Amino acid sequence: MGIVFILLNVVDAYLTEEALAMGAVELNPVGMLWGNMVAKGLIAVAIVAGLCLCKKEKLLLPLSLGMAAICFWNFAMCFMAVAAHALS
């Protein structure tokens, strides 16, 4: 589950970069601080390591589900931007 969480964070960073390049606005002000994929991946690795050290691995499932929802949102924003551009 830890690998899934890390990958979802990297996908989130990529989709966020793409959406911002298409004119979207970052809704999370803290997210602007770690916008690139490497930083986001390293933060996710630290979170997974911390949860494993504290024996709280069960939290990775809800965290991963939340990240999946965020990735879906970012994908939807990219899709709408592409669709809007194609129609204009």
C-alpha atoms as a PDB file:
ATOM      1  CA  MET A   1       0.000   0.000   0.000  1.00  0.00           C
ATOM      2  CA  GLY A   2       2.954   2.287   0.625  1.00  0.00           C
ATOM      3  CA  ILE A   3       4.082   2.042  -2.994  1.00  0.00           C
ATOM      4  CA  VAL A   4       0.553   2.871  -4.161  1.00  0.00           C
ATOM      5  CA  PHE A   5       0.516   5.956  -1.927  1.00  0.00           C
ATOM      6  CA  ILE A   6       3.893   7.110  -3.259  1.00  0.00           C
ATOM      7  CA  LEU A   7       2.872   6.561  -6.889  1.00  0.00           C
ATOM      8  CA  LEU A   8      -0.402   8.408  -6.383  1.00  0.00           C
ATOM      9  CA  ASN A   9       1.505  11.374  -4.963  1.00  0.00           C
ATOM     10  CA  VAL A  10       3.796  11.447  -7.998  1.00  0.00           C
ATOM     11  CA  VAL A  11       0.793  11.194 -10.341  1.00  0.00           C
ATOM     12  CA  ASP A  12      -0.867  14.016  -8.395  1.00  0.00           C
ATOM     13  CA  ALA A  13       2.198  16.231  -8.828  1.00  0.00           C
ATOM     14  CA  TYR A  14       2.341  15.462 -12.572  1.00  0.00           C
ATOM     15  CA  LEU A  15      -1.359  16.094 -13.144  1.00  0.00           C
ATOM     16  CA  THR A  16      -1.187  19.280 -11.072  1.00  0.00           C
ATOM     17  CA  GLU A  17       1.704  20.563 -13.199  1.00  0.00           C
ATOM     18  CA  GLU A  18      -0.245  19.757 -16.361  1.00  0.00           C
ATOM     19  CA  ALA A  19      -3.419  21.409 -15.086  1.00  0.00           C
ATOM     20  CA  LEU A  20      -1.529  24.532 -13.994  1.00  0.00           C
ATOM     21  CA  ALA A  21       0.102  24.733 -17.425  1.00  0.00           C
ATOM     22  CA  MET A  22      -3.392  24.723 -18.930  1.00  0.00           C
ATOM     23  CA  GLY A  23      -4.551  27.600 -16.741  1.00  0.00           C
ATOM     24  CA  ALA A  24      -5.897  25.859 -13.655  1.00  0.00           C
ATOM     25  CA  VAL A  25      -5.378  27.329 -10.197  1.00  0.00           C
ATOM     26  CA  GLU A  26      -3.830  25.455  -7.261  1.00  0.00           C
ATOM     27  CA  LEU A  27      -6.511  25.148  -4.566  1.00  0.00           C
ATOM     28  CA  ASN A  28      -4.096  23.957  -1.891  1.00  0.00           C
ATOM     29  CA  PRO A  29      -1.772  26.802  -0.842  1.00  0.00           C
ATOM     30  CA  VAL A  30       0.565  24.324   0.866  1.00  0.00           C
ATOM     31  CA  GLY A  31       0.694  22.293  -2.357  1.00  0.00           C
ATOM     32  CA  MET A  32       2.459  25.146  -4.098  1.00  0.00           C
ATOM     33  CA  LEU A  33       5.471  24.581  -1.831  1.00  0.00           C
ATOM     34  CA  TRP A  34       6.158  21.058  -3.118  1.00  0.00           C
ATOM     35  CA  GLY A  35       4.826  21.220  -6.647  1.00  0.00           C
ATOM     36  CA  ASN A  36       7.387  19.071  -8.417  1.00  0.00           C
ATOM     37  CA  MET A  37       7.178  15.303  -8.699  1.00  0.00           C
ATOM     38  CA  VAL A  38      10.505  14.526  -6.998  1.00  0.00           C
ATOM     39  CA  ALA A  39       9.711  16.605  -3.912  1.00  0.00           C
ATOM     40  CA  LYS A  40       6.197  15.180  -3.699  1.00  0.00           C
ATOM     41  CA  GLY A  41       7.556  11.634  -4.049  1.00  0.00           C
ATOM     42  CA  LEU A  42      10.158  12.182  -1.339  1.00  0.00           C
ATOM     43  CA  ILE A  43       7.552  13.604   1.024  1.00  0.00           C
ATOM     44  CA  ALA A  44       5.347  10.571   0.344  1.00  0.00           C
ATOM     45  CA  VAL A  45       8.287   8.241   1.065  1.00  0.00           C
ATOM     46  CA  ALA A  46       8.854  10.049   4.370  1.00  0.00           C
ATOM     47  CA  ILE A  47       5.163   9.707   5.264  1.00  0.00           C
ATOM     48  CA  VAL A  48       5.186   5.981   4.472  1.00  0.00           C
ATOM     49  CA  ALA A  49       8.391   5.468   6.453  1.00  0.00           C
ATOM     50  CA  GLY A  50       6.987   7.412   9.405  1.00  0.00           C
ATOM     51  CA  LEU A  51       3.771   5.432   9.413  1.00  0.00           C
ATOM     52  CA  CYS A  52       5.691   2.154   9.228  1.00  0.00           C
ATOM     53  CA  LEU A  53       7.989   3.184  12.094  1.00  0.00           C
ATOM     54  CA  CYS A  54       4.963   4.106  14.216  1.00  0.00           C
ATOM     55  CA  LYS A  55       3.215   0.870  13.228  1.00  0.00           C
ATOM     56  CA  LYS A  56       0.322   2.824  11.676  1.00  0.00           C
ATOM     57  CA  GLU A  57       0.406   1.217   8.205  1.00  0.00           C
ATOM     58  CA  LYS A  58      -3.390   0.884   8.295  1.00  0.00           C
ATOM     59  CA  LEU A  59      -3.606   4.622   7.647  1.00  0.00           C
ATOM     60  CA  LEU A  60      -2.128   4.112   4.185  1.00  0.00           C
ATOM     61  CA  LEU A  61      -5.424   2.801   2.803  1.00  0.00           C
ATOM     62  CA  PRO A  62      -7.501   5.910   3.589  1.00  0.00           C
ATOM     63  CA  LEU A  63      -4.590   8.153   2.594  1.00  0.00           C
ATOM     64  CA  SER A  64      -4.293   6.321  -0.728  1.00  0.00           C
ATOM     65  CA  LEU A  65      -8.034   6.570  -1.336  1.00  0.00           C
ATOM     66  CA  GLY A  66      -7.847  10.298  -0.682  1.00  0.00           C
ATOM     67  CA  MET A  67      -4.922  10.671  -3.081  1.00  0.00           C
ATOM     68  CA  ALA A  68      -6.808   8.660  -5.701  1.00  0.00           C
ATOM     69  CA  ALA A  69      -9.714  11.105  -5.411  1.00  0.00           C
ATOM     70  CA  ILE A  70      -7.326  14.048  -5.775  1.00  0.00           C
ATOM     71  CA  CYS A  71      -5.731  12.436  -8.843  1.00  0.00           C
ATOM     72  CA  PHE A  72      -9.174  11.889 -10.345  1.00  0.00           C
ATOM     73  CA  TRP A  73     -10.006  15.560  -9.734  1.00  0.00           C
ATOM     74  CA  ASN A  74      -6.769  16.716 -11.364  1.00  0.00           C
ATOM     75  CA  PHE A  75      -7.346  14.390 -14.316  1.00  0.00           C
ATOM     76  CA  ALA A  76     -10.861  15.791 -14.707  1.00  0.00           C
ATOM     77  CA  MET A  77      -9.464  19.348 -14.692  1.00  0.00           C
ATOM     78  CA  CYS A  78      -6.946  18.431 -17.405  1.00  0.00           C
ATOM     79  CA  PHE A  79      -9.642  16.711 -19.452  1.00  0.00           C
ATOM     80  CA  MET A  80     -11.967  19.721 -19.205  1.00  0.00           C
ATOM     81  CA  ALA A  81      -9.168  22.090 -20.187  1.00  0.00           C
ATOM     82  CA  VAL A  82      -8.336  19.983 -23.254  1.00  0.00           C
ATOM     83  CA  ALA A  83     -12.025  19.728 -24.176  1.00  0.00           C
ATOM     84  CA  ALA A  84     -12.530  23.479 -23.761  1.00  0.00           C
ATOM     85  CA  HIS A  85      -9.487  24.160 -25.937  1.00  0.00           C
ATOM     86  CA  ALA A  86     -10.715  21.754 -28.622  1.00  0.00           C
ATOM     87  CA  LEU A  87     -14.118  23.454 -28.723  1.00  0.00           C
ATOM     88  CA  SER A  88     -12.723  26.972 -28.990  1.00  0.00           C
END
